[in-house]
């Protein structure tokens, strides 16, 4: 039987997956809907993102900056629908295809230094060795590459929004670019 590496996440009840809105890029959406063969409409929820740093990634609908987020489970307003309860533990049900946001949380980097961000929901702090830092750098690079692709589609939408733009029309747009193979 394979050994599962012990990390601070191993002892966590999935607070980030349960208490945060899981914002995702169109690249994440394409990967997940293709792998699970589910409609875009079943995966996504509307999330108003007023953070000005997120402007290049927002789809504008009636002057509101909209981010794509995972559709929360049940009647919740946040959280991931793929967080599974397995006995006494909670685990990701789509770990191999999880969004980039999940792949890099709770880390950030400054030039060559990778660090555990302050103010995260993590009950424990990560100690990062050199090998892990290299892996996290690669994850952050890929995460940024995917968000740059997302920003191109946000710009395309924002420069020529459909008449009477709505969240449903945005989902149609996302579904269309996936079906056309543009992602």
N, C-alpha and C. Protein backbone atom coordinates (compact mmCIF):
# COMPACT_ATOMS: atom_id res chain seq x y z
N UNK A 1 0.84 -1.18 0.00
CA UNK A 1 0.00 0.00 0.00
C UNK A 1 0.89 1.25 0.00
N UNK A 2 0.54 2.24 -0.83
CA UNK A 2 1.33 3.47 -0.93
C UNK A 2 1.18 4.31 0.32
N UNK A 3 2.28 4.93 0.72
CA UNK A 3 2.29 5.84 1.86
C UNK A 3 1.82 7.22 1.41
N UNK A 4 0.97 7.83 2.16
CA UNK A 4 0.54 9.20 1.87
C UNK A 4 1.39 10.13 2.72
N UNK A 5 2.02 11.09 2.04
CA UNK A 5 2.90 12.03 2.75
C UNK A 5 2.10 12.86 3.75
N UNK A 6 2.65 13.02 4.92
CA UNK A 6 2.02 13.86 5.94
C UNK A 6 2.38 15.32 5.68
N UNK A 7 1.38 16.14 5.58
CA UNK A 7 1.57 17.58 5.40
C UNK A 7 0.61 18.27 6.35
N UNK A 8 0.75 19.58 6.53
CA UNK A 8 -0.25 20.28 7.34
C UNK A 8 -1.68 20.09 6.81
N UNK A 9 -1.83 19.89 5.49
CA UNK A 9 -3.17 19.66 4.91
C UNK A 9 -3.77 18.33 5.39
N UNK A 10 -2.91 17.37 5.72
CA UNK A 10 -3.40 16.06 6.16
C UNK A 10 -4.25 16.14 7.42
N UNK A 11 -3.94 17.09 8.28
CA UNK A 11 -4.67 17.22 9.55
C UNK A 11 -5.75 18.30 9.50
N UNK A 12 -5.91 18.94 8.36
CA UNK A 12 -6.86 20.04 8.24
C UNK A 12 -8.24 19.53 7.84
N UNK A 13 -9.29 20.12 8.36
CA UNK A 13 -10.64 19.71 7.98
C UNK A 13 -11.12 20.34 6.66
N UNK A 14 -10.21 20.84 5.85
CA UNK A 14 -10.60 21.43 4.56
C UNK A 14 -11.21 22.80 4.69
N UNK A 15 -10.67 23.62 5.59
CA UNK A 15 -11.26 24.95 5.82
C UNK A 15 -11.27 25.81 4.54
N UNK A 16 -10.17 25.79 3.78
CA UNK A 16 -10.13 26.62 2.57
C UNK A 16 -11.17 26.14 1.56
N UNK A 17 -11.36 24.84 1.48
CA UNK A 17 -12.34 24.26 0.53
C UNK A 17 -13.77 24.48 0.98
N UNK A 18 -13.95 24.74 2.26
CA UNK A 18 -15.29 24.87 2.83
C UNK A 18 -15.72 26.32 3.03
N UNK A 19 -14.75 27.20 3.32
CA UNK A 19 -15.09 28.56 3.73
C UNK A 19 -14.79 29.65 2.71
N UNK A 20 -14.06 29.33 1.65
CA UNK A 20 -13.71 30.34 0.65
C UNK A 20 -14.48 30.10 -0.64
N UNK A 21 -14.69 31.17 -1.39
CA UNK A 21 -15.19 31.02 -2.76
C UNK A 21 -14.02 30.53 -3.59
N UNK A 22 -14.21 29.46 -4.32
CA UNK A 22 -13.13 28.88 -5.11
C UNK A 22 -13.21 29.47 -6.52
N UNK A 23 -12.47 30.56 -6.74
CA UNK A 23 -12.47 31.20 -8.05
C UNK A 23 -11.59 30.39 -8.99
N UNK A 24 -12.03 30.30 -10.24
CA UNK A 24 -11.31 29.47 -11.20
C UNK A 24 -11.22 30.17 -12.54
N UNK A 25 -10.21 29.79 -13.30
CA UNK A 25 -9.99 30.35 -14.63
C UNK A 25 -10.76 29.52 -15.66
N UNK A 26 -10.89 30.07 -16.87
CA UNK A 26 -11.56 29.32 -17.94
C UNK A 26 -10.76 28.06 -18.29
N UNK A 27 -9.46 28.08 -18.07
CA UNK A 27 -8.63 26.89 -18.31
C UNK A 27 -9.02 25.80 -17.32
N UNK A 28 -9.22 26.17 -16.05
CA UNK A 28 -9.69 25.22 -15.04
C UNK A 28 -11.06 24.66 -15.43
N UNK A 29 -11.94 25.55 -15.86
CA UNK A 29 -13.29 25.14 -16.24
C UNK A 29 -13.22 24.09 -17.35
N UNK A 30 -12.43 24.36 -18.38
CA UNK A 30 -12.31 23.43 -19.50
C UNK A 30 -11.80 22.07 -19.03
N UNK A 31 -10.77 22.07 -18.20
CA UNK A 31 -10.19 20.82 -17.72
C UNK A 31 -11.22 20.01 -16.92
N UNK A 32 -11.95 20.68 -16.04
CA UNK A 32 -12.90 19.98 -15.16
C UNK A 32 -14.11 19.48 -15.93
N UNK A 33 -14.72 20.33 -16.78
CA UNK A 33 -15.93 19.88 -17.49
C UNK A 33 -15.61 18.77 -18.47
N UNK A 34 -14.44 18.82 -19.07
CA UNK A 34 -14.05 17.73 -19.99
C UNK A 34 -13.81 16.43 -19.23
N UNK A 35 -13.09 16.51 -18.13
CA UNK A 35 -12.77 15.29 -17.37
C UNK A 35 -14.00 14.66 -16.75
N UNK A 36 -14.92 15.48 -16.26
CA UNK A 36 -16.10 14.96 -15.57
C UNK A 36 -17.33 14.85 -16.47
N UNK A 37 -17.21 15.37 -17.70
CA UNK A 37 -18.31 15.37 -18.65
C UNK A 37 -19.58 15.99 -18.02
N UNK A 38 -19.40 17.20 -17.48
CA UNK A 38 -20.52 17.92 -16.89
C UNK A 38 -20.70 19.25 -17.62
N UNK A 39 -21.92 19.80 -17.61
CA UNK A 39 -22.14 21.09 -18.25
C UNK A 39 -21.49 22.24 -17.47
N UNK A 40 -21.06 23.24 -18.21
CA UNK A 40 -20.49 24.45 -17.61
C UNK A 40 -21.46 25.02 -16.58
N UNK A 41 -22.75 24.99 -16.90
CA UNK A 41 -23.77 25.55 -16.02
C UNK A 41 -23.80 24.86 -14.66
N UNK A 42 -23.46 23.58 -14.61
CA UNK A 42 -23.47 22.85 -13.33
C UNK A 42 -22.24 23.15 -12.48
N UNK A 43 -21.19 23.62 -13.10
CA UNK A 43 -19.92 23.84 -12.39
C UNK A 43 -19.80 25.25 -11.80
N UNK A 44 -20.33 26.24 -12.49
CA UNK A 44 -19.98 27.63 -12.16
C UNK A 44 -21.06 28.42 -11.42
N UNK A 45 -20.56 29.32 -10.58
CA UNK A 45 -21.40 30.28 -9.87
C UNK A 45 -20.88 31.69 -10.15
N UNK A 46 -21.75 32.65 -10.04
CA UNK A 46 -21.42 34.07 -10.23
C UNK A 46 -20.78 34.59 -8.94
N UNK A 47 -19.65 35.27 -9.09
CA UNK A 47 -18.95 35.80 -7.93
C UNK A 47 -18.54 37.23 -8.26
N UNK A 48 -19.04 38.20 -7.53
CA UNK A 48 -18.68 39.60 -7.75
C UNK A 48 -17.33 39.84 -7.08
N UNK A 49 -16.37 40.27 -7.88
CA UNK A 49 -15.01 40.48 -7.37
C UNK A 49 -14.65 41.95 -7.50
N UNK A 50 -14.74 42.67 -6.40
CA UNK A 50 -14.48 44.12 -6.40
C UNK A 50 -13.00 44.47 -6.21
N UNK A 51 -12.14 43.47 -6.09
CA UNK A 51 -10.71 43.71 -5.88
C UNK A 51 -10.11 44.30 -7.16
N UNK A 52 -9.63 45.54 -7.13
CA UNK A 52 -9.12 46.17 -8.35
C UNK A 52 -7.91 45.45 -8.95
N UNK A 53 -7.20 44.68 -8.14
CA UNK A 53 -6.05 43.91 -8.67
C UNK A 53 -6.52 42.80 -9.61
N UNK A 54 -7.77 42.42 -9.51
CA UNK A 54 -8.31 41.33 -10.33
C UNK A 54 -8.93 41.82 -11.63
N UNK A 55 -8.86 43.12 -11.89
CA UNK A 55 -9.55 43.71 -13.04
C UNK A 55 -9.24 43.02 -14.37
N UNK A 56 -8.01 42.68 -14.70
CA UNK A 56 -7.81 42.07 -16.02
C UNK A 56 -8.45 40.68 -16.15
N UNK A 57 -8.85 40.09 -15.04
CA UNK A 57 -9.41 38.74 -15.05
C UNK A 57 -10.94 38.74 -14.92
N UNK A 58 -11.53 39.91 -14.74
CA UNK A 58 -12.98 39.99 -14.50
C UNK A 58 -13.75 40.14 -15.81
N UNK A 59 -14.88 39.47 -15.86
CA UNK A 59 -15.84 39.64 -16.95
C UNK A 59 -16.83 40.70 -16.45
N UNK A 60 -17.00 41.76 -17.22
CA UNK A 60 -17.89 42.83 -16.79
C UNK A 60 -19.32 42.54 -17.26
N UNK A 61 -20.25 42.60 -16.30
CA UNK A 61 -21.67 42.47 -16.60
C UNK A 61 -22.36 43.62 -15.88
N UNK A 62 -22.92 44.53 -16.69
CA UNK A 62 -23.59 45.72 -16.14
C UNK A 62 -22.72 46.44 -15.12
N UNK A 63 -21.48 46.68 -15.50
CA UNK A 63 -20.50 47.41 -14.69
C UNK A 63 -20.06 46.66 -13.43
N UNK A 64 -20.44 45.41 -13.31
CA UNK A 64 -19.99 44.62 -12.16
C UNK A 64 -18.89 43.67 -12.61
N UNK A 65 -17.77 43.64 -11.88
CA UNK A 65 -16.70 42.70 -12.23
C UNK A 65 -17.06 41.29 -11.73
N UNK A 66 -17.22 40.37 -12.66
CA UNK A 66 -17.64 39.02 -12.32
C UNK A 66 -16.47 38.05 -12.49
N UNK A 67 -16.23 37.26 -11.46
CA UNK A 67 -15.25 36.18 -11.53
C UNK A 67 -16.03 34.87 -11.63
N UNK A 68 -15.39 33.87 -12.17
CA UNK A 68 -15.99 32.54 -12.21
C UNK A 68 -15.58 31.81 -10.93
N UNK A 69 -16.53 31.16 -10.31
CA UNK A 69 -16.26 30.41 -9.08
C UNK A 69 -16.98 29.08 -9.14
N UNK A 70 -16.47 28.13 -8.36
CA UNK A 70 -17.14 26.83 -8.28
C UNK A 70 -18.51 27.04 -7.64
N UNK A 71 -19.49 26.33 -8.13
CA UNK A 71 -20.84 26.40 -7.59
C UNK A 71 -20.82 25.76 -6.19
N UNK A 72 -21.05 26.54 -5.13
CA UNK A 72 -20.98 25.98 -3.77
C UNK A 72 -22.00 24.86 -3.55
N UNK A 73 -21.69 23.95 -2.65
CA UNK A 73 -22.62 22.85 -2.38
C UNK A 73 -23.85 23.31 -1.60
N UNK A 74 -24.97 22.64 -1.84
CA UNK A 74 -26.19 22.90 -1.07
C UNK A 74 -26.61 24.35 -1.12
N UNK A 75 -26.98 24.88 0.04
CA UNK A 75 -27.42 26.27 0.15
C UNK A 75 -26.31 27.21 0.59
N UNK A 76 -25.07 26.75 0.52
CA UNK A 76 -23.95 27.57 0.98
C UNK A 76 -23.63 28.68 -0.01
N UNK A 77 -22.95 29.73 0.47
CA UNK A 77 -22.53 30.83 -0.40
C UNK A 77 -21.05 30.73 -0.76
N UNK A 78 -20.35 29.77 -0.19
CA UNK A 78 -18.94 29.56 -0.51
C UNK A 78 -18.63 28.08 -0.37
N UNK A 79 -17.44 27.73 -0.78
CA UNK A 79 -17.00 26.34 -0.65
C UNK A 79 -17.00 25.61 -1.97
N UNK A 80 -16.37 24.45 -1.96
CA UNK A 80 -16.20 23.64 -3.15
C UNK A 80 -17.16 22.44 -3.12
N UNK A 81 -17.84 22.20 -4.22
CA UNK A 81 -18.77 21.07 -4.26
C UNK A 81 -18.06 19.72 -4.31
N UNK A 82 -16.75 19.73 -4.53
CA UNK A 82 -15.99 18.48 -4.65
C UNK A 82 -15.26 18.10 -3.37
N UNK A 83 -15.52 18.82 -2.28
CA UNK A 83 -14.94 18.45 -0.98
C UNK A 83 -15.75 17.28 -0.45
N UNK A 84 -15.09 16.16 -0.25
CA UNK A 84 -15.76 14.93 0.16
C UNK A 84 -15.46 14.61 1.62
N UNK A 85 -16.45 14.08 2.30
CA UNK A 85 -16.28 13.58 3.67
C UNK A 85 -16.02 12.09 3.55
N UNK A 86 -14.85 11.65 3.96
CA UNK A 86 -14.48 10.24 3.90
C UNK A 86 -14.13 9.81 5.32
N UNK A 87 -15.06 9.15 5.96
CA UNK A 87 -14.88 8.80 7.37
C UNK A 87 -14.76 10.06 8.20
N UNK A 88 -13.67 10.17 8.92
CA UNK A 88 -13.42 11.33 9.78
C UNK A 88 -12.67 12.45 9.07
N UNK A 89 -12.27 12.22 7.83
CA UNK A 89 -11.47 13.23 7.13
C UNK A 89 -12.23 13.79 5.93
N UNK A 90 -11.76 14.93 5.46
CA UNK A 90 -12.32 15.56 4.27
C UNK A 90 -11.21 15.65 3.23
N UNK A 91 -11.53 15.30 2.01
CA UNK A 91 -10.54 15.29 0.94
C UNK A 91 -11.16 15.82 -0.36
N UNK A 92 -10.28 16.23 -1.26
CA UNK A 92 -10.68 16.73 -2.57
C UNK A 92 -11.11 15.57 -3.45
N UNK A 93 -12.30 15.67 -4.02
CA UNK A 93 -12.81 14.64 -4.91
C UNK A 93 -12.31 14.76 -6.34
N UNK A 94 -11.61 15.86 -6.67
CA UNK A 94 -11.05 16.03 -8.02
C UNK A 94 -9.58 16.43 -7.94
N UNK A 95 -8.88 15.87 -7.01
CA UNK A 95 -7.51 16.29 -6.70
C UNK A 95 -6.62 16.39 -7.95
N UNK A 96 -6.66 15.39 -8.82
CA UNK A 96 -5.78 15.40 -9.99
C UNK A 96 -6.13 16.48 -11.00
N UNK A 97 -7.37 16.96 -10.99
CA UNK A 97 -7.78 18.01 -11.93
C UNK A 97 -8.21 19.28 -11.21
N UNK A 98 -7.82 19.43 -9.96
CA UNK A 98 -8.25 20.57 -9.15
C UNK A 98 -7.79 21.89 -9.78
N UNK A 99 -8.51 22.96 -9.47
CA UNK A 99 -8.16 24.28 -10.02
C UNK A 99 -6.78 24.76 -9.59
N UNK A 100 -6.23 25.65 -10.40
CA UNK A 100 -4.93 26.23 -10.09
C UNK A 100 -4.91 26.94 -8.75
N UNK A 101 -6.02 27.59 -8.41
CA UNK A 101 -6.13 28.27 -7.11
C UNK A 101 -5.83 27.30 -5.97
N UNK A 102 -6.36 26.10 -6.09
CA UNK A 102 -6.15 25.08 -5.05
C UNK A 102 -4.73 24.55 -5.08
N UNK A 103 -4.13 24.48 -6.25
CA UNK A 103 -2.76 23.96 -6.39
C UNK A 103 -1.73 24.87 -5.71
N UNK A 104 -1.99 26.17 -5.69
CA UNK A 104 -1.00 27.09 -5.14
C UNK A 104 -1.31 27.58 -3.73
N UNK A 105 -2.56 27.39 -3.28
CA UNK A 105 -2.93 27.85 -1.93
C UNK A 105 -2.21 27.00 -0.89
N UNK A 106 -1.63 27.57 0.13
CA UNK A 106 -1.61 28.94 0.64
C UNK A 106 -0.31 29.68 0.32
N UNK A 107 0.31 29.35 -0.81
CA UNK A 107 1.64 29.88 -1.09
C UNK A 107 1.63 31.11 -1.98
N UNK A 108 2.71 31.86 -1.89
CA UNK A 108 2.97 32.97 -2.77
C UNK A 108 4.48 33.01 -2.96
N UNK A 109 4.94 33.92 -3.76
CA UNK A 109 6.38 34.06 -3.94
C UNK A 109 6.74 35.52 -4.15
N UNK A 110 7.95 35.78 -3.80
CA UNK A 110 8.54 37.09 -3.99
C UNK A 110 9.91 36.86 -4.59
N UNK A 111 10.06 37.19 -5.85
CA UNK A 111 11.29 36.90 -6.60
C UNK A 111 11.57 35.40 -6.54
N UNK A 112 12.59 34.98 -5.83
CA UNK A 112 12.92 33.55 -5.78
C UNK A 112 12.45 32.88 -4.50
N UNK A 113 11.86 33.63 -3.59
CA UNK A 113 11.44 33.07 -2.31
C UNK A 113 9.97 32.68 -2.32
N UNK A 114 9.71 31.42 -1.97
CA UNK A 114 8.34 30.93 -1.83
C UNK A 114 8.01 30.97 -0.35
N UNK A 115 6.79 31.41 -0.03
CA UNK A 115 6.42 31.48 1.38
C UNK A 115 4.94 31.18 1.58
N UNK A 116 4.61 30.85 2.79
CA UNK A 116 3.22 30.58 3.21
C UNK A 116 2.60 31.95 3.51
N UNK A 117 1.55 32.32 2.77
CA UNK A 117 0.94 33.64 2.92
C UNK A 117 0.35 33.83 4.31
N UNK A 118 0.43 35.04 4.80
CA UNK A 118 -0.21 35.41 6.06
C UNK A 118 -1.71 35.45 5.86
N UNK A 119 -2.46 35.21 6.91
CA UNK A 119 -3.90 35.37 6.89
C UNK A 119 -4.66 34.27 6.17
N UNK A 120 -4.03 33.12 5.94
CA UNK A 120 -4.75 32.02 5.31
C UNK A 120 -5.55 31.27 6.37
N UNK A 121 -6.40 30.38 5.92
CA UNK A 121 -7.22 29.60 6.84
C UNK A 121 -6.49 28.38 7.39
N UNK A 122 -5.26 28.20 7.02
CA UNK A 122 -4.50 27.02 7.42
C UNK A 122 -4.27 26.98 8.94
N UNK A 123 -4.60 25.85 9.57
CA UNK A 123 -4.37 25.73 11.01
C UNK A 123 -2.89 25.53 11.36
N UNK A 124 -2.09 25.11 10.37
CA UNK A 124 -0.66 24.92 10.57
C UNK A 124 0.09 25.62 9.45
N UNK A 125 1.33 25.97 9.73
CA UNK A 125 2.17 26.61 8.71
C UNK A 125 3.02 25.55 8.03
N UNK A 126 3.27 25.73 6.77
CA UNK A 126 4.13 24.83 6.01
C UNK A 126 5.59 25.23 6.17
N UNK A 127 6.43 24.26 6.33
CA UNK A 127 7.88 24.48 6.22
C UNK A 127 8.26 23.99 4.83
N UNK A 128 8.87 24.83 4.06
CA UNK A 128 9.14 24.51 2.66
C UNK A 128 10.62 24.25 2.45
N UNK A 129 10.94 23.03 2.00
CA UNK A 129 12.34 22.73 1.68
C UNK A 129 12.61 23.14 0.22
N UNK A 130 13.86 23.00 -0.23
CA UNK A 130 14.23 23.46 -1.57
C UNK A 130 13.47 22.75 -2.68
N UNK A 131 13.32 21.45 -2.55
CA UNK A 131 12.62 20.68 -3.57
C UNK A 131 11.15 21.12 -3.66
N UNK A 132 10.50 21.31 -2.52
CA UNK A 132 9.11 21.78 -2.52
C UNK A 132 9.01 23.18 -3.09
N UNK A 133 9.98 24.03 -2.77
CA UNK A 133 9.98 25.40 -3.29
C UNK A 133 10.06 25.40 -4.81
N UNK A 134 10.91 24.52 -5.38
CA UNK A 134 11.00 24.42 -6.84
C UNK A 134 9.66 23.97 -7.44
N UNK A 135 9.02 22.98 -6.82
CA UNK A 135 7.74 22.48 -7.30
C UNK A 135 6.67 23.58 -7.23
N UNK A 136 6.67 24.33 -6.13
CA UNK A 136 5.68 25.41 -5.96
C UNK A 136 5.93 26.53 -6.97
N UNK A 137 7.21 26.83 -7.23
CA UNK A 137 7.52 27.84 -8.27
C UNK A 137 6.92 27.42 -9.60
N UNK A 138 7.07 26.15 -9.97
CA UNK A 138 6.51 25.66 -11.23
C UNK A 138 4.98 25.75 -11.23
N UNK A 139 4.36 25.40 -10.10
CA UNK A 139 2.90 25.50 -9.99
C UNK A 139 2.44 26.95 -10.14
N UNK A 140 3.15 27.87 -9.51
CA UNK A 140 2.80 29.28 -9.60
C UNK A 140 2.98 29.79 -11.03
N UNK A 141 4.07 29.36 -11.70
CA UNK A 141 4.27 29.74 -13.11
C UNK A 141 3.11 29.27 -13.98
N UNK A 142 2.69 28.00 -13.79
CA UNK A 142 1.59 27.45 -14.58
C UNK A 142 0.28 28.15 -14.24
N UNK A 143 0.07 28.44 -12.97
CA UNK A 143 -1.11 29.15 -12.50
C UNK A 143 -1.19 30.52 -13.20
N UNK A 144 -0.08 31.24 -13.23
CA UNK A 144 -0.07 32.56 -13.87
C UNK A 144 -0.29 32.44 -15.38
N UNK A 145 0.30 31.42 -16.01
CA UNK A 145 0.10 31.21 -17.45
C UNK A 145 -1.39 30.99 -17.75
N UNK A 146 -2.05 30.18 -16.94
CA UNK A 146 -3.47 29.91 -17.16
C UNK A 146 -4.32 31.16 -16.93
N UNK A 147 -3.97 31.96 -15.94
CA UNK A 147 -4.73 33.19 -15.71
C UNK A 147 -4.48 34.21 -16.81
N UNK A 148 -3.31 34.19 -17.45
CA UNK A 148 -3.06 35.07 -18.59
C UNK A 148 -3.97 34.68 -19.76
N UNK A 149 -4.16 33.38 -19.97
CA UNK A 149 -5.10 32.91 -21.00
C UNK A 149 -6.51 33.38 -20.64
N UNK A 150 -6.88 33.22 -19.38
CA UNK A 150 -8.19 33.66 -18.90
C UNK A 150 -8.37 35.16 -19.17
N UNK A 151 -7.35 35.95 -18.90
CA UNK A 151 -7.43 37.40 -19.10
C UNK A 151 -7.70 37.74 -20.57
N UNK A 152 -7.15 36.95 -21.49
CA UNK A 152 -7.42 37.19 -22.91
C UNK A 152 -8.91 37.01 -23.22
N UNK A 153 -9.52 35.97 -22.63
CA UNK A 153 -10.95 35.76 -22.86
C UNK A 153 -11.80 36.81 -22.17
N UNK A 154 -11.37 37.26 -21.00
CA UNK A 154 -12.09 38.34 -20.31
C UNK A 154 -12.04 39.62 -21.15
N UNK A 155 -10.87 39.89 -21.72
CA UNK A 155 -10.73 41.07 -22.57
C UNK A 155 -11.63 40.95 -23.81
N UNK A 156 -11.66 39.76 -24.41
CA UNK A 156 -12.52 39.53 -25.58
C UNK A 156 -14.00 39.79 -25.24
N UNK A 157 -14.43 39.26 -24.11
CA UNK A 157 -15.82 39.47 -23.65
C UNK A 157 -16.08 40.96 -23.39
N UNK A 158 -15.17 41.59 -22.66
CA UNK A 158 -15.36 42.98 -22.24
C UNK A 158 -15.33 43.97 -23.40
N UNK A 159 -14.55 43.65 -24.44
CA UNK A 159 -14.47 44.55 -25.59
C UNK A 159 -15.70 44.44 -26.49
N UNK A 160 -16.40 43.31 -26.44
CA UNK A 160 -17.56 43.12 -27.29
C UNK A 160 -18.62 42.29 -26.56
N UNK A 161 -19.17 42.84 -25.47
CA UNK A 161 -20.15 42.05 -24.70
C UNK A 161 -21.42 41.83 -25.51
N UNK A 162 -22.11 40.72 -25.26
CA UNK A 162 -23.37 40.50 -25.97
C UNK A 162 -24.42 41.50 -25.52
N UNK A 163 -25.38 41.70 -26.37
CA UNK A 163 -26.48 42.59 -26.01
C UNK A 163 -27.20 42.02 -24.81
N UNK A 164 -27.53 42.85 -23.86
CA UNK A 164 -28.19 42.42 -22.62
C UNK A 164 -27.36 41.35 -21.90
N UNK A 165 -26.09 41.67 -21.70
CA UNK A 165 -25.17 40.72 -21.06
C UNK A 165 -25.71 40.26 -19.72
N UNK A 166 -25.55 38.98 -19.46
CA UNK A 166 -26.00 38.38 -18.21
C UNK A 166 -25.05 37.25 -17.86
N UNK A 167 -25.19 36.72 -16.66
CA UNK A 167 -24.33 35.61 -16.26
C UNK A 167 -24.60 34.39 -17.14
N UNK A 168 -25.85 34.16 -17.50
CA UNK A 168 -26.16 33.03 -18.40
C UNK A 168 -25.46 33.19 -19.74
N UNK A 169 -25.43 34.41 -20.27
CA UNK A 169 -24.74 34.64 -21.54
C UNK A 169 -23.23 34.46 -21.38
N UNK A 170 -22.71 34.83 -20.22
CA UNK A 170 -21.29 34.58 -19.95
C UNK A 170 -21.01 33.07 -19.94
N UNK A 171 -21.88 32.30 -19.31
CA UNK A 171 -21.69 30.85 -19.30
C UNK A 171 -21.78 30.28 -20.72
N UNK A 172 -22.67 30.83 -21.54
CA UNK A 172 -22.74 30.42 -22.95
C UNK A 172 -21.41 30.71 -23.65
N UNK A 173 -20.84 31.88 -23.37
CA UNK A 173 -19.55 32.27 -23.96
C UNK A 173 -18.46 31.29 -23.54
N UNK A 174 -18.39 30.96 -22.26
CA UNK A 174 -17.37 30.03 -21.76
C UNK A 174 -17.57 28.65 -22.39
N UNK A 175 -18.82 28.20 -22.44
CA UNK A 175 -19.11 26.90 -23.04
C UNK A 175 -18.70 26.88 -24.52
N UNK A 176 -18.98 27.97 -25.21
CA UNK A 176 -18.64 28.07 -26.63
C UNK A 176 -17.14 27.99 -26.87
N UNK A 177 -16.34 28.73 -26.08
CA UNK A 177 -14.89 28.70 -26.32
C UNK A 177 -14.31 27.32 -25.98
N UNK A 178 -14.93 26.60 -25.06
CA UNK A 178 -14.47 25.23 -24.75
C UNK A 178 -14.87 24.30 -25.89
N UNK A 179 -16.12 24.37 -26.34
CA UNK A 179 -16.60 23.49 -27.42
C UNK A 179 -15.85 23.74 -28.72
N UNK A 180 -15.46 24.99 -28.97
CA UNK A 180 -14.71 25.32 -30.18
C UNK A 180 -13.25 24.89 -30.08
N UNK A 181 -12.82 24.45 -28.91
CA UNK A 181 -11.43 24.01 -28.73
C UNK A 181 -10.45 25.16 -28.59
N UNK A 182 -10.95 26.34 -28.24
CA UNK A 182 -10.07 27.50 -28.08
C UNK A 182 -9.28 27.41 -26.78
N UNK A 183 -9.69 26.52 -25.91
CA UNK A 183 -8.95 26.23 -24.67
C UNK A 183 -8.68 24.76 -24.66
